[in-house]
Amino acid sequence: MTDISITIHSKDGRELAACTGSGSSYVNLVYEAEYQEGDTITVRAEHASHLVLQLDDVLQPAAVYFSESTYCYQIPFGEKRFSYNPKTFSGSMHMLRARYATRAEILQYRNIAYNSHDTAASTTCFPHASANIETRGESVFAARNAIDGNTANCSHGNWPYESWGINRDPEAELYLNFGRPVTVDKLVLVTRADFPHDNYWKQASVTFSDGSEMSLSMERSTEPHEFVFEPKQITGLTLHKLIKDDTDPSPFPALTQLEVYGQDSL
């Protein structure tokens, strides 16, 4: 397989650090400096490949799929950091690593929606979450928060309570793109439950990329909502037709986490 390389660049394109390896085991890059605004991390690997990625020692590793050979990750600064653990990308000692996933890992039944390394600008690293509406464009209400693995749902705002916020719009839609065919049979929605600040969706719909649609009935709860169905092969889905409880005075339903269980279709 093609070697994996990890490179850190400054805002003006200077190479700050780099490491290359076969990817059969972790390629490790240690960076002994503070990040500056505008710094980026570039990972290069084989085109259309499965990787295990960890671009900061605070971020949890993620099993991801590269649809192209290059993924560029912008280090978050300012308001963009509010949805991350404050320790992420901080300080002057950083450990970055990547390797190719094993066949067993690729075929493992798991939450295949999870991607702690998703960003709004991602076009090559999957799974990727996006939406037609995000509350005030704030990072703490971005679509990527719904697949970052964090299920803390008893409050709202900065990490660890980031969520997908819909700006009170019932026409809001969340799009989840896997970037390749996957076989799925279960959805889990962790709705935000910062009661009485929050409302909740009593009903929603999911349309899968194969054209099928499923209606989801939910209740006012801090617990996850689980939906099991016959296995289907898809490349993505849309969460939409969000109907909040009209007896609850709060206008703020939101989604803390969307989990999709299945495995890659090889």
Protein backbone atom coordinates (compact mmCIF):
# COMPACT_ATOMS: atom_id res chain seq x y z
CA MET A 1 0.00 0.00 0.00
CA THR A 2 0.99 3.62 -0.42
CA ASP A 3 2.94 5.11 2.48
CA ILE A 4 1.07 7.35 4.90
CA SER A 5 2.46 10.82 5.55
CA ILE A 6 1.46 13.39 8.16
CA THR A 7 2.59 16.98 7.62
CA ILE A 8 1.97 20.18 9.58
CA HIS A 9 2.01 23.43 7.60
CA SER A 10 1.89 27.06 8.69
CA LYS A 11 -0.62 29.57 7.35
CA ASP A 12 1.90 30.67 4.71
CA GLY A 13 2.54 27.10 3.57
CA ARG A 14 5.83 26.41 5.38
CA GLU A 15 6.40 22.81 6.42
CA LEU A 16 6.68 22.74 10.23
CA ALA A 17 6.94 18.99 10.79
CA ALA A 18 6.47 15.77 8.81
CA CYS A 19 6.64 12.00 9.14
CA THR A 20 6.15 9.14 6.65
CA GLY A 21 5.73 5.41 7.15
CA SER A 22 4.22 2.28 5.65
CA GLY A 23 0.99 2.54 7.65
CA SER A 24 1.08 -1.15 8.60
CA SER A 25 1.53 0.17 12.13
CA TYR A 26 1.00 3.71 13.37
CA VAL A 27 2.87 6.51 11.64
CA ASN A 28 3.70 8.81 14.56
CA LEU A 29 4.45 12.52 14.32
CA VAL A 30 5.57 14.37 17.44
CA TYR A 31 5.32 18.16 17.15
CA GLU A 32 7.12 20.16 19.84
CA ALA A 33 5.68 23.65 19.39
CA GLU A 34 2.47 25.57 19.95
CA TYR A 35 0.03 25.68 17.08
CA GLN A 36 -0.57 29.08 15.49
CA GLU A 37 -3.79 30.24 13.86
CA GLY A 38 -3.87 29.10 10.26
CA ASP A 39 -1.82 25.92 10.86
CA THR A 40 -3.07 22.82 9.06
CA ILE A 41 -2.47 19.08 9.24
CA THR A 42 -2.31 17.16 5.96
CA VAL A 43 -2.63 13.38 5.87
CA ARG A 44 -1.79 11.55 2.64
CA ALA A 45 -2.58 7.90 2.10
CA GLU A 46 -3.69 5.49 -0.59
CA HIS A 47 -6.70 6.62 -2.62
CA ALA A 48 -9.99 5.13 -1.34
CA SER A 49 -8.63 3.66 1.90
CA HIS A 50 -9.71 2.93 5.45
CA LEU A 51 -7.58 4.49 8.18
CA VAL A 52 -7.45 4.83 11.94
CA LEU A 53 -6.74 8.49 12.61
CA GLN A 54 -5.77 10.45 15.73
CA LEU A 55 -4.56 13.98 15.00
CA ASP A 56 -4.34 15.03 18.66
CA ASP A 57 -3.74 12.98 21.79
CA VAL A 58 -6.93 14.43 23.33
CA LEU A 59 -9.13 13.47 20.37
CA GLN A 60 -10.34 9.88 20.38
CA PRO A 61 -9.09 7.77 17.46
CA ALA A 62 -11.55 7.41 14.58
CA ALA A 63 -11.95 4.74 11.91
CA VAL A 64 -12.37 6.84 8.76
CA TYR A 65 -12.55 6.41 5.00
CA PHE A 66 -10.52 8.55 2.60
CA SER A 67 -12.29 8.93 -0.76
CA GLU A 68 -9.18 10.67 -2.08
CA SER A 69 -5.54 10.46 -1.13
CA THR A 70 -5.29 13.76 0.77
CA TYR A 71 -7.13 15.13 3.81
CA CYS A 72 -6.38 18.62 5.09
CA TYR A 73 -7.43 19.42 8.65
CA GLN A 74 -7.59 23.04 9.82
CA ILE A 75 -6.54 23.48 13.45
CA PRO A 76 -9.52 25.19 15.19
CA PHE A 77 -8.97 28.57 16.85
CA GLY A 78 -11.20 31.14 18.51
CA GLU A 79 -14.91 30.35 18.40
CA LYS A 80 -14.23 27.16 16.43
CA ARG A 81 -12.57 25.67 19.52
CA PHE A 82 -15.67 25.95 21.71
CA SER A 83 -17.02 22.58 20.58
CA TYR A 84 -13.75 20.80 21.48
CA ASN A 85 -12.24 19.80 24.79
CA PRO A 86 -10.16 22.90 25.74
CA LYS A 87 -7.06 20.70 26.00
CA THR A 88 -7.32 19.72 22.32
CA PHE A 89 -4.46 21.14 20.20
CA SER A 90 -3.19 23.11 23.22
CA GLY A 91 0.34 23.34 24.63
CA SER A 92 3.69 22.71 23.01
CA MET A 93 3.79 18.91 22.79
CA HIS A 94 1.54 17.09 20.32
CA MET A 95 1.23 13.48 19.20
CA LEU A 96 -0.38 12.74 15.82
CA ARG A 97 -0.77 9.26 14.36
CA ALA A 98 -2.39 7.33 11.53
CA ARG A 99 -2.39 3.80 10.14
CA TYR A 100 -4.34 1.67 7.71
CA ALA A 101 -7.27 -0.19 9.25
CA THR A 102 -7.15 -3.97 9.27
CA ARG A 103 -9.73 -6.02 7.39
CA ALA A 104 -11.18 -7.17 10.73
CA GLU A 105 -11.63 -3.55 11.80
CA ILE A 106 -13.28 -2.62 8.51
CA LEU A 107 -15.75 -5.49 8.76
CA GLN A 108 -16.45 -5.01 12.48
CA TYR A 109 -20.04 -4.21 13.45
CA ARG A 110 -19.87 -0.77 15.04
CA ASN A 111 -21.20 2.77 15.11
CA ILE A 112 -20.07 3.67 11.60
CA ALA A 113 -21.34 7.26 11.92
CA TYR A 114 -18.66 8.13 14.48
CA ASN A 115 -15.94 10.53 13.34
CA SER A 116 -14.18 12.67 15.95
CA HIS A 117 -12.17 14.25 13.10
CA ASP A 118 -15.04 15.51 10.96
CA THR A 119 -15.05 19.19 9.95
CA ALA A 120 -17.47 21.40 8.07
CA ALA A 121 -14.99 21.71 5.21
CA SER A 122 -14.38 17.96 4.86
CA THR A 123 -14.81 16.57 1.35
CA THR A 124 -12.47 13.56 1.46
CA CYS A 125 -12.72 12.10 4.99
CA PHE A 126 -15.85 10.15 5.93
CA PRO A 127 -18.26 9.81 7.63
CA HIS A 128 -19.18 13.47 7.21
CA ALA A 129 -22.13 15.33 8.73
CA SER A 130 -23.63 18.52 7.29
CA ALA A 131 -26.91 20.39 7.58
CA ASN A 132 -29.01 23.02 5.84
CA ILE A 133 -29.31 24.91 9.14
CA GLU A 134 -26.99 25.36 12.13
CA THR A 135 -27.96 27.76 14.92
CA ARG A 136 -26.35 31.14 14.24
CA GLY A 137 -23.48 29.38 12.48
CA GLU A 138 -21.88 28.68 15.87
CA SER A 139 -19.48 25.78 16.24
CA VAL A 140 -21.26 24.48 19.36
CA PHE A 141 -24.38 23.88 17.23
CA ALA A 142 -22.69 22.49 14.12
CA ALA A 143 -23.71 19.26 12.39
CA ARG A 144 -20.28 17.67 13.04
CA ASN A 145 -21.10 17.63 16.77
CA ALA A 146 -23.75 14.96 16.16
CA ILE A 147 -21.11 12.36 15.17
CA ASP A 148 -18.19 13.30 17.44
CA GLY A 149 -18.95 10.52 19.94
CA ASN A 150 -19.91 12.81 22.83
CA THR A 151 -23.29 11.86 24.33
CA ALA A 152 -23.45 14.35 27.23
CA ASN A 153 -26.94 15.79 26.72
CA CYS A 154 -28.01 17.40 30.00
CA SER A 155 -26.96 20.95 29.04
CA HIS A 156 -26.12 22.99 25.93
CA GLY A 157 -23.34 25.23 24.67
CA ASN A 158 -19.57 24.72 24.86
CA TRP A 159 -17.94 21.28 25.14
CA PRO A 160 -18.91 18.85 26.55
CA TYR A 161 -22.46 19.95 25.67
CA GLU A 162 -22.03 20.67 21.96
CA SER A 163 -24.94 19.58 19.76
CA TRP A 164 -26.62 20.08 16.39
CA GLY A 165 -28.90 23.08 16.81
CA ILE A 166 -31.62 23.87 14.27
CA ASN A 167 -32.29 27.56 15.02
CA ARG A 168 -35.96 26.76 15.78
CA ASP A 169 -36.52 25.80 12.12
CA PRO A 170 -38.77 22.75 11.52
CA GLU A 171 -37.37 22.51 7.96
CA ALA A 172 -33.89 21.70 9.31
CA GLU A 173 -32.20 18.64 7.85
CA LEU A 174 -29.06 16.74 8.84
CA TYR A 175 -27.14 14.90 6.14
CA LEU A 176 -24.79 12.01 6.91
CA ASN A 177 -22.52 10.84 4.10
CA PHE A 178 -20.50 7.64 4.53
CA GLY A 179 -18.51 8.15 1.32
CA ARG A 180 -18.85 4.46 0.35
CA PRO A 181 -21.43 1.64 0.60
CA VAL A 182 -22.19 0.43 4.12
CA THR A 183 -24.73 -2.05 5.49
CA VAL A 184 -26.76 -0.74 8.44
CA ASP A 185 -29.56 -2.06 10.67
CA LYS A 186 -29.85 0.29 13.66
CA LEU A 187 -30.11 4.00 14.44
CA VAL A 188 -29.64 5.60 17.86
CA LEU A 189 -30.61 9.24 18.46
CA VAL A 190 -29.43 10.96 21.63
CA THR A 191 -31.60 14.07 21.73
CA ARG A 192 -30.52 17.03 23.83
CA ALA A 193 -32.28 16.99 27.19
CA ASP A 194 -31.46 20.26 28.93
CA PHE A 195 -34.96 20.46 30.42
CA PRO A 196 -36.77 22.83 30.87
CA HIS A 197 -34.62 24.86 28.43
CA ASP A 198 -35.10 22.21 25.74
CA ASN A 199 -38.04 20.81 23.88
CA TYR A 200 -37.82 17.46 22.07
CA TRP A 201 -38.90 15.93 18.76
CA LYS A 202 -41.86 13.65 19.17
CA GLN A 203 -41.41 12.53 15.60
CA ALA A 204 -38.80 12.63 12.85
CA SER A 205 -38.04 10.86 9.59
CA VAL A 206 -34.94 9.30 8.11
CA THR A 207 -34.57 8.92 4.36
CA PHE A 208 -31.84 6.53 3.27
CA SER A 209 -29.84 6.83 0.07
CA ASP A 210 -31.64 3.75 -1.31
CA GLY A 211 -34.85 5.81 -1.33
CA SER A 212 -36.51 4.14 1.65
CA GLU A 213 -37.88 6.23 4.52
CA MET A 214 -38.49 5.44 8.16
CA SER A 215 -40.59 7.34 10.70
CA LEU A 216 -39.15 7.75 14.19
CA SER A 217 -41.31 8.27 17.26
CA MET A 218 -39.59 9.71 20.33
CA GLU A 219 -40.43 10.93 23.81
CA ARG A 220 -39.17 13.43 26.37
CA SER A 221 -36.20 11.55 27.77
CA THR A 222 -32.54 11.79 28.66
CA GLU A 223 -32.05 8.24 27.35
CA PRO A 224 -31.08 7.25 23.79
CA HIS A 225 -33.83 6.44 21.26
CA GLU A 226 -33.07 3.17 19.45
CA PHE A 227 -34.54 2.02 16.13
CA VAL A 228 -33.81 -1.42 14.65
CA PHE A 229 -34.70 -2.40 11.07
CA GLU A 230 -33.87 -4.92 8.36
CA PRO A 231 -30.31 -4.50 7.04
CA LYS A 232 -29.95 -2.17 4.07
CA GLN A 233 -27.01 -1.07 1.96
CA ILE A 234 -26.66 2.71 1.73
CA THR A 235 -24.10 5.47 1.21
CA GLY A 236 -25.85 8.10 3.33
CA LEU A 237 -29.02 9.28 5.01
CA THR A 238 -31.02 12.41 5.82
CA LEU A 239 -32.68 13.19 9.16
CA HIS A 240 -35.64 15.51 8.52
CA LYS A 241 -39.36 16.21 9.09
CA LEU A 242 -38.58 17.16 12.67
CA ILE A 243 -41.77 17.66 14.70
CA LYS A 244 -41.36 19.07 18.19
CA ASP A 245 -43.82 18.62 21.05
CA ASP A 246 -46.32 21.47 20.66
CA THR A 247 -47.41 21.20 24.31
CA ASP A 248 -43.91 22.12 25.52
CA PRO A 249 -43.33 25.91 25.64
CA SER A 250 -39.62 25.61 24.80
CA PRO A 251 -38.69 26.28 21.13
CA PHE A 252 -35.30 24.50 21.40
CA PRO A 253 -35.13 20.83 20.36
CA ALA A 254 -31.64 19.69 19.37
CA LEU A 255 -29.59 16.58 18.65
CA THR A 256 -26.61 15.56 20.77
CA GLN A 257 -25.63 12.42 18.85
CA LEU A 258 -26.66 10.28 15.87
CA GLU A 259 -25.31 6.74 15.89
CA VAL A 260 -25.66 4.37 12.96
CA TYR A 261 -24.76 0.72 13.48
CA GLY A 262 -23.50 -1.58 10.77
CA GLN A 263 -20.37 -2.39 8.81
CA ASP A 264 -18.62 -1.67 5.55
CA SER A 265 -19.97 -3.41 2.46
CA LEU A 266 -16.97 -5.03 0.77
